[in-house]
N, C-alpha and C. Protein backbone atom coordinates (compact mmCIF):
# COMPACT_ATOMS: atom_id res chain seq x y z
N MET A 1 0.79 -1.21 0.08
CA MET A 1 0.16 0.06 0.08
C MET A 1 0.89 1.22 -0.10
N ALA A 2 1.21 1.86 -1.03
CA ALA A 2 2.03 2.95 -1.21
C ALA A 2 1.06 4.05 -0.94
N LEU A 3 1.53 5.08 -0.45
CA LEU A 3 0.75 6.16 -0.05
C LEU A 3 0.92 7.20 -1.20
N MET A 4 -0.06 8.25 -0.82
CA MET A 4 -0.21 9.17 -2.07
C MET A 4 -0.37 10.88 -1.16
N ILE A 5 0.02 11.63 -1.81
CA ILE A 5 -0.36 13.16 -1.22
C ILE A 5 -1.55 13.72 -2.30
N THR A 6 -2.72 14.07 -1.71
CA THR A 6 -3.58 14.87 -2.16
C THR A 6 -3.38 16.18 -2.77
N ASP A 7 -4.30 16.98 -3.50
CA ASP A 7 -4.46 18.18 -3.78
C ASP A 7 -4.52 19.28 -2.71
N GLU A 8 -4.90 18.50 -1.50
CA GLU A 8 -5.04 19.41 -0.37
C GLU A 8 -3.78 19.81 0.22
N CYS A 9 -2.78 19.20 -0.29
CA CYS A 9 -1.39 19.37 0.32
C CYS A 9 -1.10 20.86 0.45
N ILE A 10 -0.62 21.44 1.23
CA ILE A 10 -0.22 23.11 1.23
C ILE A 10 1.23 23.39 1.21
N ASN A 11 2.06 22.38 0.77
CA ASN A 11 3.35 22.61 0.51
C ASN A 11 3.99 23.10 1.84
N CYS A 12 3.92 22.49 2.85
CA CYS A 12 4.59 23.02 4.37
C CYS A 12 6.21 22.60 4.22
N ASP A 13 6.26 21.66 3.45
CA ASP A 13 7.63 20.80 3.40
C ASP A 13 8.16 20.14 4.80
N VAL A 14 7.15 19.51 5.45
CA VAL A 14 7.64 18.81 6.57
C VAL A 14 7.54 17.24 6.24
N CYS A 15 7.10 16.71 5.20
CA CYS A 15 6.94 15.09 4.66
C CYS A 15 8.18 14.94 4.21
N GLU A 16 8.72 15.85 3.20
CA GLU A 16 9.86 15.17 2.54
C GLU A 16 11.20 14.71 3.21
N PRO A 17 11.45 15.50 4.34
CA PRO A 17 12.77 15.01 5.10
C PRO A 17 12.38 13.74 6.22
N GLU A 18 11.01 13.62 6.27
CA GLU A 18 10.87 12.50 7.23
C GLU A 18 10.72 11.12 6.54
N CYS A 19 10.79 11.11 5.26
CA CYS A 19 10.68 9.94 4.50
C CYS A 19 12.07 8.82 4.23
N PRO A 20 12.28 8.04 4.98
CA PRO A 20 13.53 7.21 5.13
C PRO A 20 13.83 6.65 3.79
N ASN A 21 12.74 6.71 2.66
CA ASN A 21 13.01 5.92 1.56
C ASN A 21 13.25 6.78 0.27
N ASP A 22 13.22 8.39 0.89
CA ASP A 22 13.45 9.47 -0.04
C ASP A 22 12.34 9.30 -1.40
N ALA A 23 11.12 9.00 -0.81
CA ALA A 23 9.97 8.57 -1.96
C ALA A 23 9.34 10.05 -2.00
N ILE A 24 9.45 10.82 -1.27
CA ILE A 24 8.76 12.11 -1.38
C ILE A 24 9.43 13.25 -2.03
N SER A 25 8.89 13.94 -3.06
CA SER A 25 9.47 15.01 -3.75
C SER A 25 8.50 16.18 -4.14
N MET A 26 8.95 17.09 -4.63
CA MET A 26 8.01 18.07 -4.80
C MET A 26 7.45 17.98 -6.33
N GLY A 27 6.17 18.04 -6.61
CA GLY A 27 5.65 17.59 -7.91
C GLY A 27 5.26 18.97 -8.69
N GLU A 28 4.69 19.09 -9.62
CA GLU A 28 4.32 20.22 -10.21
C GLU A 28 3.43 21.41 -9.47
N ASP A 29 2.56 21.00 -8.66
CA ASP A 29 2.01 21.66 -7.73
C ASP A 29 1.95 21.54 -6.32
N TYR A 30 2.35 20.37 -6.23
CA TYR A 30 2.42 20.02 -4.63
C TYR A 30 3.40 18.49 -4.54
N TYR A 31 3.64 18.30 -3.43
CA TYR A 31 4.31 17.23 -3.12
C TYR A 31 3.88 15.87 -3.83
N VAL A 32 4.61 14.79 -3.87
CA VAL A 32 4.32 13.51 -4.66
C VAL A 32 4.81 12.59 -3.96
N ILE A 33 4.41 11.09 -3.80
CA ILE A 33 5.20 10.14 -3.61
C ILE A 33 5.47 9.18 -4.64
N ALA A 34 6.44 8.96 -4.58
CA ALA A 34 6.86 7.46 -5.71
C ALA A 34 6.58 6.29 -5.10
N PRO A 35 5.22 5.74 -5.90
CA PRO A 35 4.84 4.50 -5.09
C PRO A 35 6.20 3.32 -5.04
N HIS A 36 6.84 3.34 -5.91
CA HIS A 36 7.92 2.14 -6.09
C HIS A 36 9.05 2.29 -5.14
N GLN A 37 8.99 3.41 -4.37
CA GLN A 37 9.90 3.72 -3.42
C GLN A 37 8.97 3.72 -1.97
N CYS A 38 7.96 3.91 -1.91
CA CYS A 38 7.02 3.77 -0.62
C CYS A 38 6.66 2.71 0.13
N THR A 39 7.47 2.49 1.26
CA THR A 39 7.09 1.04 1.90
C THR A 39 6.18 1.47 3.14
N GLU A 40 5.58 2.61 3.30
CA GLU A 40 4.62 2.94 4.29
C GLU A 40 5.43 2.93 5.70
N CYS A 41 6.97 3.14 5.69
CA CYS A 41 8.06 3.01 6.58
C CYS A 41 8.10 1.75 7.13
N VAL A 42 7.53 0.64 6.69
CA VAL A 42 7.81 -0.76 7.23
C VAL A 42 9.29 -0.74 6.90
N GLY A 43 9.85 -1.58 8.01
CA GLY A 43 11.20 -1.81 8.00
C GLY A 43 12.01 -0.46 8.80
N HIS A 44 11.34 0.56 8.79
CA HIS A 44 11.94 1.81 9.51
C HIS A 44 11.39 2.04 10.82
N PHE A 45 9.74 2.33 10.74
CA PHE A 45 8.96 2.92 11.69
C PHE A 45 7.66 1.81 11.75
N ASP A 46 7.28 2.08 12.79
CA ASP A 46 5.93 1.36 13.23
C ASP A 46 4.66 1.77 12.26
N THR A 47 4.82 3.36 12.00
CA THR A 47 3.62 3.96 11.39
C THR A 47 4.23 4.86 10.24
N PRO A 48 3.84 5.29 9.06
CA PRO A 48 4.13 6.18 8.09
C PRO A 48 4.53 7.62 8.87
N GLN A 49 6.02 8.04 8.58
CA GLN A 49 6.21 8.97 9.10
C GLN A 49 5.20 10.39 8.49
N CYS A 50 5.19 10.48 7.31
CA CYS A 50 4.79 11.52 6.66
C CYS A 50 3.34 11.77 7.10
N VAL A 51 2.62 10.71 7.29
CA VAL A 51 1.00 10.67 7.88
C VAL A 51 1.16 11.31 9.10
N GLU A 52 2.35 10.68 10.04
CA GLU A 52 2.15 11.26 11.60
C GLU A 52 2.44 12.76 11.38
N ILE A 53 3.10 13.47 10.75
CA ILE A 53 3.73 14.70 10.54
C ILE A 53 2.91 15.81 9.97
N CYS A 54 2.00 15.32 9.09
CA CYS A 54 1.13 16.01 7.87
C CYS A 54 0.07 16.70 8.77
N PRO A 55 0.20 18.38 8.72
CA PRO A 55 -0.93 18.94 9.45
C PRO A 55 -2.18 19.01 8.74
N VAL A 56 -2.36 18.57 7.79
CA VAL A 56 -3.56 18.73 6.94
C VAL A 56 -4.39 17.42 6.76
N ALA A 57 -3.64 16.50 7.14
CA ALA A 57 -4.11 14.80 6.84
C ALA A 57 -4.55 14.74 5.32
N CYS A 58 -3.51 14.94 4.49
CA CYS A 58 -3.52 14.83 2.80
C CYS A 58 -2.87 13.59 2.34
N ILE A 59 -2.44 12.43 3.14
CA ILE A 59 -1.92 11.42 2.41
C ILE A 59 -2.70 9.80 3.17
N PRO A 60 -3.42 9.83 2.18
CA PRO A 60 -4.26 8.55 2.23
C PRO A 60 -3.23 7.43 1.50
N VAL A 61 -3.72 6.15 1.39
CA VAL A 61 -3.28 4.93 0.78
C VAL A 61 -3.96 5.18 -0.76
N ASN A 62 -2.63 4.94 -1.38
CA ASN A 62 -2.92 5.26 -3.00
C ASN A 62 -3.63 4.00 -3.29
N PRO A 63 -5.01 4.06 -3.88
CA PRO A 63 -5.74 2.98 -4.16
C PRO A 63 -5.29 2.01 -5.41
N GLU A 64 -4.18 2.77 -6.14
CA GLU A 64 -3.66 2.09 -7.40
C GLU A 64 -2.67 1.02 -7.05
N TYR A 65 -1.85 1.27 -5.63
CA TYR A 65 -0.92 0.58 -5.21
C TYR A 65 -1.16 -0.15 -3.80
N ILE A 66 -2.12 -1.11 -3.74
CA ILE A 66 -2.60 -1.85 -2.61
C ILE A 66 -1.52 -2.93 -2.30
N GLU A 67 -0.82 -2.80 -1.50
CA GLU A 67 0.15 -3.96 -0.93
C GLU A 67 0.07 -4.67 0.35
N SER A 68 0.19 -5.78 0.66
CA SER A 68 0.28 -6.32 1.83
C SER A 68 1.44 -5.93 2.63
N LYS A 69 1.64 -6.20 4.16
CA LYS A 69 2.63 -5.74 4.68
C LYS A 69 3.93 -6.80 4.25
N GLU A 70 3.73 -8.09 3.74
CA GLU A 70 4.90 -8.84 3.35
C GLU A 70 5.27 -7.98 2.01
N THR A 71 4.56 -7.70 0.96
CA THR A 71 5.00 -7.09 -0.03
C THR A 71 5.87 -5.71 0.29
N LEU A 72 5.26 -4.71 1.34
CA LEU A 72 5.97 -3.70 1.71
C LEU A 72 7.36 -4.16 2.41
N TRP A 73 7.26 -5.38 3.15
CA TRP A 73 8.84 -5.55 3.75
C TRP A 73 9.70 -6.03 2.59
N GLN A 74 9.09 -6.82 1.46
CA GLN A 74 9.95 -7.15 0.39
C GLN A 74 10.62 -5.84 -0.31
N LYS A 75 9.82 -4.78 -0.32
CA LYS A 75 10.20 -3.61 -1.13
C LYS A 75 11.28 -3.28 -0.35
N PHE A 76 11.02 -2.88 1.01
CA PHE A 76 12.30 -2.41 1.86
C PHE A 76 13.38 -3.20 1.72
N GLU A 77 13.27 -4.38 1.73
CA GLU A 77 14.46 -5.28 1.67
C GLU A 77 15.11 -4.97 0.23
N ARG A 78 14.45 -4.76 -0.97
CA ARG A 78 14.95 -4.60 -2.20
C ARG A 78 15.85 -3.30 -2.36
N LEU A 79 14.87 -2.43 -1.44
CA LEU A 79 15.35 -0.75 -1.57
C LEU A 79 16.78 -0.49 -0.80
N ARG A 80 16.81 -1.43 0.41
CA ARG A 80 17.95 -1.70 1.42
C ARG A 80 19.07 -2.01 0.80
N ALA A 81 18.65 -2.96 -0.13
CA ALA A 81 20.09 -3.88 -0.92
C ALA A 81 20.56 -2.68 -2.01
N GLN A 82 19.62 -2.01 -2.59
CA GLN A 82 19.97 -1.10 -3.72
C GLN A 82 20.85 -0.11 -3.29
N GLN A 83 20.68 0.40 -1.89
CA GLN A 83 21.28 1.59 -1.22
C GLN A 83 22.77 1.07 -0.84
N GLU A 84 22.62 -0.38 -0.35
CA GLU A 84 24.02 -0.68 0.24
C GLU A 84 24.85 -1.04 -1.10
N SER A 85 24.30 -1.35 -2.19
CA SER A 85 25.06 -1.59 -3.39
C SER A 85 25.77 -0.17 -4.13
N GLN A 86 24.84 0.84 -3.84
CA GLN A 86 25.17 2.00 -4.02
C GLN A 86 26.63 2.65 -3.47
N ALA A 87 26.21 2.40 -2.08
CA ALA A 87 27.24 2.86 -1.35
C ALA A 87 28.61 2.04 -1.59
N SER A 88 28.36 0.88 -1.76
CA SER A 88 29.72 0.03 -1.90
C SER A 88 30.19 0.61 -3.27
N VAL A 89 29.65 0.93 -4.13
CA VAL A 89 30.10 1.50 -5.39
C VAL A 89 30.93 2.83 -5.10
N ALA A 90 30.04 3.60 -4.56
CA ALA A 90 30.61 5.06 -4.13
C ALA A 90 31.86 4.79 -3.45
N GLU A 91 31.84 3.79 -2.44
CA GLU A 91 33.10 3.96 -1.43
C GLU A 91 34.21 3.32 -2.38
N ALA A 92 34.19 2.64 -3.38
CA ALA A 92 35.13 1.83 -3.99
C ALA A 92 35.70 3.24 -5.22
N GLY A 93 35.05 4.17 -5.46
CA GLY A 93 35.22 4.93 -6.55
C GLY A 93 34.84 4.96 -7.47
N VAL A 94 34.09 3.90 -7.89
CA VAL A 94 33.59 3.29 -9.28
C VAL A 94 32.34 4.27 -9.90
N ALA A 95 32.37 4.41 -10.91
CA ALA A 95 31.32 5.09 -11.31
C ALA A 95 30.09 4.11 -11.58
N PRO A 96 28.98 4.17 -10.90
CA PRO A 96 27.42 3.24 -11.32
C PRO A 96 27.34 3.00 -12.76
């Protein structure tokens, strides 16, 4: 279940730095969540941090990306492996 940000977003800038997967970025008019990077904070926190901090409650589940907790955990593991691989490449000084 990836999350999404609705057009009720007031661009307050508090959600983006809270995302442990860097899934939140500024869109054309308001912040957006990349569904393939969003794990609803599974693997990091007990609850989605963006939802917890949002002052206008504009971050519901994205109905186009319904995922089980198991699927979210698998996505977390895949993202973590990618980050570790990129870090190893950076440490070795090799271009990706």
